[in-house]
Amino acid sequence: MDKHCEKDLENLLGDLAKSFKFQIHSLNLLTNKNPIKIEIYLKKTDGNYITIDDCSNFNNPAKKAIDASNLLNCSYVLEISSQGVSDELISERDFKTFKGFPVNVELNQKNSNIKILNGLLHEKSKDYLAINIKGKINKIPFIEVLRVSLATMKS
């Protein structure tokens, strides 16, 4: 098994996922298991959460697609799951939901030094991210933001 096979599986199942209005968040091919294990993490294209029923409904079509593709010539275990709750804020919904929560903001500044700011999420626009750092609102150009994740505040 190689990375090429994993990529082929991801492409095959990505196309299938689109028909369910899902996206493949990640696919892991665990070849050190016997039988090998395929872990597929789904997310919905509309931003809603994946349910257990969604995973269940995707399972048989995914298995049939894998078997028909002949990409794997061995037995395998297929595990379909949601991406779960991530600490990284990505969607507009995430930024609205966690307004006022403590966040870590990883920045890529012009001099290529990565810097992390900690504060309370105040606002996200298409142009900037605003965080409250010790009572002062700091507006960071969104082009400089690499990652925003939930954090715990230290007192």
Protein backbone atom coordinates (compact mmCIF):
# COMPACT_ATOMS: atom_id res chain seq x y z
CA MET A 1 0.00 0.00 0.00
CA ASP A 2 1.31 3.41 -0.85
CA LYS A 3 0.24 7.04 -0.71
CA HIS A 4 -0.91 6.75 -4.33
CA CYS A 5 -3.54 4.18 -3.31
CA GLU A 6 -4.68 6.39 -0.44
CA LYS A 7 -5.05 9.36 -2.81
CA ASP A 8 -6.98 7.21 -5.32
CA LEU A 9 -9.34 6.10 -2.54
CA GLU A 10 -9.80 9.71 -1.43
CA ASN A 11 -10.65 10.78 -5.00
CA LEU A 12 -13.06 7.87 -5.48
CA LEU A 13 -14.85 8.45 -2.19
CA GLY A 14 -14.73 12.24 -2.59
CA ASP A 15 -16.80 11.94 -5.74
CA LEU A 16 -19.25 9.65 -3.97
CA ALA A 17 -19.42 12.02 -0.98
CA LYS A 18 -20.45 14.90 -3.27
CA SER A 19 -23.58 12.95 -4.26
CA PHE A 20 -24.51 12.88 -0.55
CA LYS A 21 -23.64 16.61 -0.17
CA PHE A 22 -20.65 15.63 1.97
CA GLN A 23 -16.93 16.28 1.71
CA ILE A 24 -14.12 14.04 2.83
CA HIS A 25 -12.52 15.92 5.73
CA SER A 26 -9.77 13.31 5.91
CA LEU A 27 -9.08 9.72 4.94
CA ASN A 28 -6.59 7.52 6.75
CA LEU A 29 -5.44 4.17 5.44
CA LEU A 30 -3.99 2.20 8.36
CA THR A 31 -1.97 -0.54 6.73
CA ASN A 32 -0.34 -1.63 9.99
CA LYS A 33 -3.64 -3.23 11.04
CA ASN A 34 -4.76 -6.71 10.06
CA PRO A 35 -7.13 -6.38 8.33
CA ILE A 36 -6.21 -2.88 7.18
CA LYS A 37 -8.46 -0.07 8.36
CA ILE A 38 -9.90 2.77 6.29
CA GLU A 39 -10.98 5.74 8.40
CA ILE A 40 -13.14 8.29 6.58
CA TYR A 41 -14.06 11.54 8.28
CA LEU A 42 -16.95 13.40 6.66
CA LYS A 43 -18.30 16.91 6.83
CA LYS A 44 -21.39 18.38 5.20
CA THR A 45 -20.98 20.89 2.40
CA ASP A 46 -23.69 23.13 3.90
CA GLY A 47 -21.81 23.49 7.20
CA ASN A 48 -24.27 21.44 9.25
CA TYR A 49 -23.05 18.61 11.43
CA ILE A 50 -22.74 15.00 10.30
CA THR A 51 -25.10 12.66 12.15
CA ILE A 52 -24.79 8.97 12.94
CA ASP A 53 -27.45 8.32 10.29
CA ASP A 54 -25.35 10.22 7.72
CA CYS A 55 -22.37 7.99 8.49
CA SER A 56 -24.52 4.88 8.35
CA ASN A 57 -26.11 5.88 5.02
CA PHE A 58 -22.67 6.50 3.49
CA ASN A 59 -21.17 3.20 4.69
CA ASN A 60 -22.64 0.70 2.18
CA PRO A 61 -22.22 2.89 -0.93
CA ALA A 62 -18.60 3.58 0.13
CA LYS A 63 -17.92 -0.14 0.61
CA LYS A 64 -19.44 -0.95 -2.78
CA ALA A 65 -17.38 1.78 -4.48
CA ILE A 66 -14.16 0.54 -2.86
CA ASP A 67 -14.87 -3.08 -3.80
CA ALA A 68 -15.79 -2.18 -7.40
CA SER A 69 -12.65 -0.07 -7.83
CA ASN A 70 -10.22 -2.96 -7.22
CA LEU A 71 -7.90 -0.50 -5.46
CA LEU A 72 -7.61 -2.90 -2.52
CA ASN A 73 -6.95 -6.59 -2.99
CA CYS A 74 -7.24 -7.48 0.68
CA SER A 75 -9.75 -7.47 3.48
CA TYR A 76 -10.37 -4.19 5.27
CA VAL A 77 -12.43 -2.55 7.99
CA LEU A 78 -14.30 0.59 6.96
CA GLU A 79 -14.96 3.24 9.58
CA ILE A 80 -17.10 6.27 8.71
CA SER A 81 -17.17 9.14 11.18
CA SER A 82 -17.70 12.87 11.48
CA GLN A 83 -14.77 15.22 11.76
CA GLY A 84 -15.93 15.83 15.30
CA VAL A 85 -15.56 19.02 17.21
CA SER A 86 -12.33 20.72 16.35
CA ASP A 87 -10.62 23.42 18.30
CA GLU A 88 -9.80 25.20 15.03
CA LEU A 89 -12.30 27.82 13.85
CA ILE A 90 -12.83 27.57 10.10
CA SER A 91 -16.39 28.30 9.02
CA GLU A 92 -18.37 31.51 9.45
CA ARG A 93 -20.62 29.51 11.76
CA ASP A 94 -17.61 28.68 13.99
CA PHE A 95 -16.69 32.35 14.31
CA LYS A 96 -20.28 33.33 15.21
CA THR A 97 -20.72 30.44 17.64
CA PHE A 98 -17.51 31.16 19.55
CA LYS A 99 -17.71 34.96 19.66
CA GLY A 100 -16.45 36.02 23.09
CA PHE A 101 -14.53 32.78 23.65
CA PRO A 102 -10.77 32.66 24.28
CA VAL A 103 -8.76 31.99 21.11
CA ASN A 104 -5.19 31.56 19.95
CA VAL A 105 -4.46 33.35 16.69
CA GLU A 106 -1.42 32.14 14.79
CA LEU A 107 -0.05 34.88 12.55
CA ASN A 108 2.25 34.94 9.58
CA GLN A 109 3.77 38.38 9.63
CA LYS A 110 5.55 39.99 6.70
CA ASN A 111 8.96 39.07 8.10
CA SER A 112 7.88 35.37 8.08
CA ASN A 113 8.04 35.09 11.87
CA ILE A 114 5.09 33.19 13.25
CA LYS A 115 3.51 34.86 16.24
CA ILE A 116 0.63 33.73 18.40
CA LEU A 117 -1.83 36.16 19.97
CA ASN A 118 -4.23 35.18 22.74
CA GLY A 119 -7.49 36.96 23.43
CA LEU A 120 -11.25 36.81 23.22
CA LEU A 121 -12.83 36.45 19.78
CA HIS A 122 -14.60 39.72 19.05
CA GLU A 123 -15.45 39.75 15.33
CA LYS A 124 -14.51 38.27 11.96
CA SER A 125 -15.07 40.10 8.72
CA LYS A 126 -13.87 39.28 5.22
CA ASP A 127 -10.93 41.65 5.75
CA TYR A 128 -9.91 41.27 9.38
CA LEU A 129 -10.17 39.32 12.61
CA ALA A 130 -10.79 41.31 15.78
CA ILE A 131 -9.77 39.95 19.15
CA ASN A 132 -10.00 41.50 22.58
CA ILE A 133 -6.61 41.43 24.31
CA LYS A 134 -6.85 42.68 27.89
CA GLY A 135 -9.75 45.02 27.07
CA LYS A 136 -8.28 46.41 23.83
CA ILE A 137 -9.77 45.39 20.46
CA ASN A 138 -7.01 44.43 18.01
CA LYS A 139 -7.92 44.19 14.33
CA ILE A 140 -5.66 41.78 12.46
CA PRO A 141 -5.74 41.75 8.64
CA PHE A 142 -7.18 38.34 7.78
CA ILE A 143 -4.46 37.81 5.17
CA GLU A 144 -1.97 37.57 8.08
CA VAL A 145 -4.01 34.98 10.00
CA LEU A 146 -2.80 31.41 9.56
CA ARG A 147 -4.99 29.67 12.13
CA VAL A 148 -7.55 30.49 14.81
CA SER A 149 -8.21 27.93 17.52
CA LEU A 150 -10.07 27.79 20.82
CA ALA A 151 -7.88 28.27 23.87
CA THR A 152 -8.09 28.41 27.61
CA MET A 153 -7.38 31.77 29.18
CA LYS A 154 -4.80 32.05 31.92
CA SER A 155 -5.66 34.37 34.77
